[in-house]
C-alpha atoms as a PDB file:
ATOM      1  CA  MET A   1      -3.476  64.994  -1.693  1.00  0.00           C
ATOM      2  CA  SER A   2      -2.173  68.069  -3.475  1.00  0.00           C
ATOM      3  CA  ALA A   3      -0.168  68.036  -6.685  1.00  0.00           C
ATOM      4  CA  ALA A   4       2.896  69.167  -4.698  1.00  0.00           C
ATOM      5  CA  ASP A   5       2.501  66.237  -2.282  1.00  0.00           C
ATOM      6  CA  GLU A   6       2.150  63.829  -5.197  1.00  0.00           C
ATOM      7  CA  SER A   7       5.250  65.273  -6.816  1.00  0.00           C
ATOM      8  CA  LYS A   8       7.235  64.876  -3.574  1.00  0.00           C
ATOM      9  CA  GLY A   9       6.008  61.295  -3.233  1.00  0.00           C
ATOM     10  CA  SER A  10       6.934  60.496  -6.806  1.00  0.00           C
ATOM     11  CA  ALA A  11      10.391  62.008  -6.334  1.00  0.00           C
ATOM     12  CA  MET A  12      11.014  59.881  -3.237  1.00  0.00           C
ATOM     13  CA  VAL A  13       9.874  56.720  -5.015  1.00  0.00           C
ATOM     14  CA  LEU A  14      12.184  57.475  -7.926  1.00  0.00           C
ATOM     15  CA  ARG A  15      15.071  58.161  -5.522  1.00  0.00           C
ATOM     16  CA  ALA A  16      14.382  54.895  -3.708  1.00  0.00           C
ATOM     17  CA  LEU A  17      14.350  52.908  -6.943  1.00  0.00           C
ATOM     18  CA  ARG A  18      17.567  54.568  -8.102  1.00  0.00           C
ATOM     19  CA  MET A  19      19.169  53.848  -4.728  1.00  0.00           C
ATOM     20  CA  VAL A  20      18.203  50.172  -4.951  1.00  0.00           C
ATOM     21  CA  GLU A  21      19.767  49.996  -8.431  1.00  0.00           C
ATOM     22  CA  LEU A  22      22.970  51.594  -7.148  1.00  0.00           C
ATOM     23  CA  LEU A  23      23.149  49.350  -4.085  1.00  0.00           C
ATOM     24  CA  ALA A  24      22.587  46.284  -6.268  1.00  0.00           C
ATOM     25  CA  SER A  25      25.671  47.267  -8.272  1.00  0.00           C
ATOM     26  CA  GLU A  26      27.862  47.073  -5.133  1.00  0.00           C
ATOM     27  CA  PRO A  27      26.401  44.229  -3.051  1.00  0.00           C
ATOM     28  CA  LEU A  28      29.577  43.420  -1.107  1.00  0.00           C
ATOM     29  CA  ARG A  29      31.348  46.742  -0.659  1.00  0.00           C
ATOM     30  CA  GLY A  30      28.219  48.872  -0.350  1.00  0.00           C
ATOM     31  CA  LEU A  31      28.067  52.614  -0.862  1.00  0.00           C
ATOM     32  CA  THR A  32      28.460  55.564   1.470  1.00  0.00           C
ATOM     33  CA  ASN A  33      25.933  58.327   1.891  1.00  0.00           C
ATOM     34  CA  LYS A  34      28.338  60.558  -0.053  1.00  0.00           C
ATOM     35  CA  ASP A  35      28.663  57.996  -2.891  1.00  0.00           C
ATOM     36  CA  LEU A  36      24.893  57.733  -3.176  1.00  0.00           C
ATOM     37  CA  ALA A  37      24.298  61.493  -3.016  1.00  0.00           C
ATOM     38  CA  ALA A  38      26.808  62.058  -5.820  1.00  0.00           C
ATOM     39  CA  ALA A  39      25.399  59.273  -8.007  1.00  0.00           C
ATOM     40  CA  MET A  40      21.812  60.362  -7.404  1.00  0.00           C
ATOM     41  CA  ARG A  41      22.644  64.083  -7.682  1.00  0.00           C
ATOM     42  CA  CYS A  42      20.766  64.944  -4.517  1.00  0.00           C
ATOM     43  CA  PRO A  43      21.590  66.272  -1.050  1.00  0.00           C
ATOM     44  CA  PRO A  44      22.950  63.736   1.477  1.00  0.00           C
ATOM     45  CA  SER A  45      19.900  64.403   3.680  1.00  0.00           C
ATOM     46  CA  TYR A  46      17.674  62.969   0.911  1.00  0.00           C
ATOM     47  CA  VAL A  47      19.846  59.851   0.841  1.00  0.00           C
ATOM     48  CA  THR A  48      19.542  59.501   4.618  1.00  0.00           C
ATOM     49  CA  ARG A  49      15.724  59.742   4.539  1.00  0.00           C
ATOM     50  CA  THR A  50      15.397  57.441   1.550  1.00  0.00           C
ATOM     51  CA  ALA A  51      17.780  54.903   3.079  1.00  0.00           C
ATOM     52  CA  ALA A  52      15.798  54.925   6.318  1.00  0.00           C
ATOM     53  CA  ALA A  53      12.630  54.006   4.410  1.00  0.00           C
ATOM     54  CA  LEU A  54      14.439  51.258   2.482  1.00  0.00           C
ATOM     55  CA  ILE A  55      15.982  49.874   5.672  1.00  0.00           C
ATOM     56  CA  GLU A  56      12.580  49.810   7.361  1.00  0.00           C
ATOM     57  CA  CYS A  57      11.174  47.536   4.656  1.00  0.00           C
ATOM     58  CA  GLY A  58      14.289  45.357   4.300  1.00  0.00           C
ATOM     59  CA  TRP A  59      15.395  46.697   0.917  1.00  0.00           C
ATOM     60  CA  ALA A  60      18.640  48.137   2.303  1.00  0.00           C
ATOM     61  CA  VAL A  61      20.904  47.601   5.296  1.00  0.00           C
ATOM     62  CA  LYS A  62      23.470  49.852   6.902  1.00  0.00           C
ATOM     63  CA  ASP A  63      26.791  48.528   8.151  1.00  0.00           C
ATOM     64  CA  GLU A  64      27.189  50.524  11.348  1.00  0.00           C
ATOM     65  CA  SER A  65      30.939  49.897  11.511  1.00  0.00           C
ATOM     66  CA  SER A  66      31.633  51.380   8.065  1.00  0.00           C
ATOM     67  CA  GLY A  67      28.546  53.538   7.553  1.00  0.00           C
ATOM     68  CA  ARG A  68      28.030  51.969   4.130  1.00  0.00           C
ATOM     69  CA  PHE A  69      24.648  50.964   2.769  1.00  0.00           C
ATOM     70  CA  ARG A  70      24.121  47.636   1.007  1.00  0.00           C
ATOM     71  CA  ILE A  71      21.262  45.966  -0.799  1.00  0.00           C
ATOM     72  CA  GLY A  72      18.846  44.234   1.564  1.00  0.00           C
ATOM     73  CA  ARG A  73      17.416  40.750   1.377  1.00  0.00           C
ATOM     74  CA  SER A  74      13.962  41.912   0.321  1.00  0.00           C
ATOM     75  CA  ALA A  75      15.314  43.699  -2.739  1.00  0.00           C
ATOM     76  CA  ALA A  76      17.548  40.778  -3.641  1.00  0.00           C
ATOM     77  CA  ARG A  77      14.594  38.410  -3.237  1.00  0.00           C
ATOM     78  CA  VAL A  78      12.650  40.354  -5.906  1.00  0.00           C
ATOM     79  CA  GLY A  79      15.424  39.739  -8.429  1.00  0.00           C
ATOM     80  CA  ILE A  80      15.669  36.056  -7.555  1.00  0.00           C
ATOM     81  CA  THR A  81      11.886  35.622  -7.749  1.00  0.00           C
ATOM     82  CA  THR A  82      11.794  37.350 -11.135  1.00  0.00           C
ATOM     83  CA  LEU A  83      14.558  35.144 -12.547  1.00  0.00           C
ATOM     84  CA  SER A  84      12.819  32.043 -11.222  1.00  0.00           C
ATOM     85  CA  ALA A  85       9.525  33.071 -12.842  1.00  0.00           C
ATOM     86  CA  LEU A  86      11.280  33.801 -16.136  1.00  0.00           C
ATOM     87  CA  ASP A  87      12.893  30.336 -16.044  1.00  0.00           C
ATOM     88  CA  LYS A  88       9.484  28.755 -15.461  1.00  0.00           C
ATOM     89  CA  HIS A  89       7.939  30.670 -18.358  1.00  0.00           C
ATOM     90  CA  GLU A  90      10.891  29.834 -20.581  1.00  0.00           C
ATOM     91  CA  GLN A  91      10.323  26.125 -19.873  1.00  0.00           C
ATOM     92  CA  GLN A  92       6.614  26.492 -20.645  1.00  0.00           C
ATOM     93  CA  LEU A  93       7.395  28.271 -23.900  1.00  0.00           C
ATOM     94  CA  ALA A  94       9.881  25.551 -24.859  1.00  0.00           C
ATOM     95  CA  GLU A  95       7.169  22.934 -24.222  1.00  0.00           C
ATOM     96  CA  VAL A  96       4.704  24.828 -26.441  1.00  0.00           C
ATOM     97  CA  ARG A  97       7.324  25.052 -29.184  1.00  0.00           C
ATOM     98  CA  ARG A  98       8.066  21.308 -28.913  1.00  0.00           C
ATOM     99  CA  ASN A  99       4.373  20.487 -29.113  1.00  0.00           C
ATOM    100  CA  PHE A 100       3.893  22.778 -32.096  1.00  0.00           C
ATOM    101  CA  THR A 101       6.888  21.277 -33.916  1.00  0.00           C
ATOM    102  CA  ILE A 102       5.787  17.711 -33.240  1.00  0.00           C
ATOM    103  CA  SER A 103       2.280  18.347 -34.568  1.00  0.00           C
ATOM    104  CA  GLN A 104       3.553  19.778 -37.873  1.00  0.00           C
END
């Protein structure tokens, strides 16, 4: 893979991550291709290609009646899983603190 190919790949990954962040900020209303292109400062064609990749893996959905993109279940699941793991670790840390305090 050439440096140019790697750079293109990195740019698409960064666009996809930015798009997921933007879609997460408007989970009900969603965002149009134009909204996303303006926020991401890129051509609408880049949004279309990036959205297609995100839709394919369940990270975005497109409402065909409005043309708006919304966050997909897979992306939302990552956030929920992360919060659940943080809660679990918080409980474990609280237990360690209780045990440390009791032994003092």
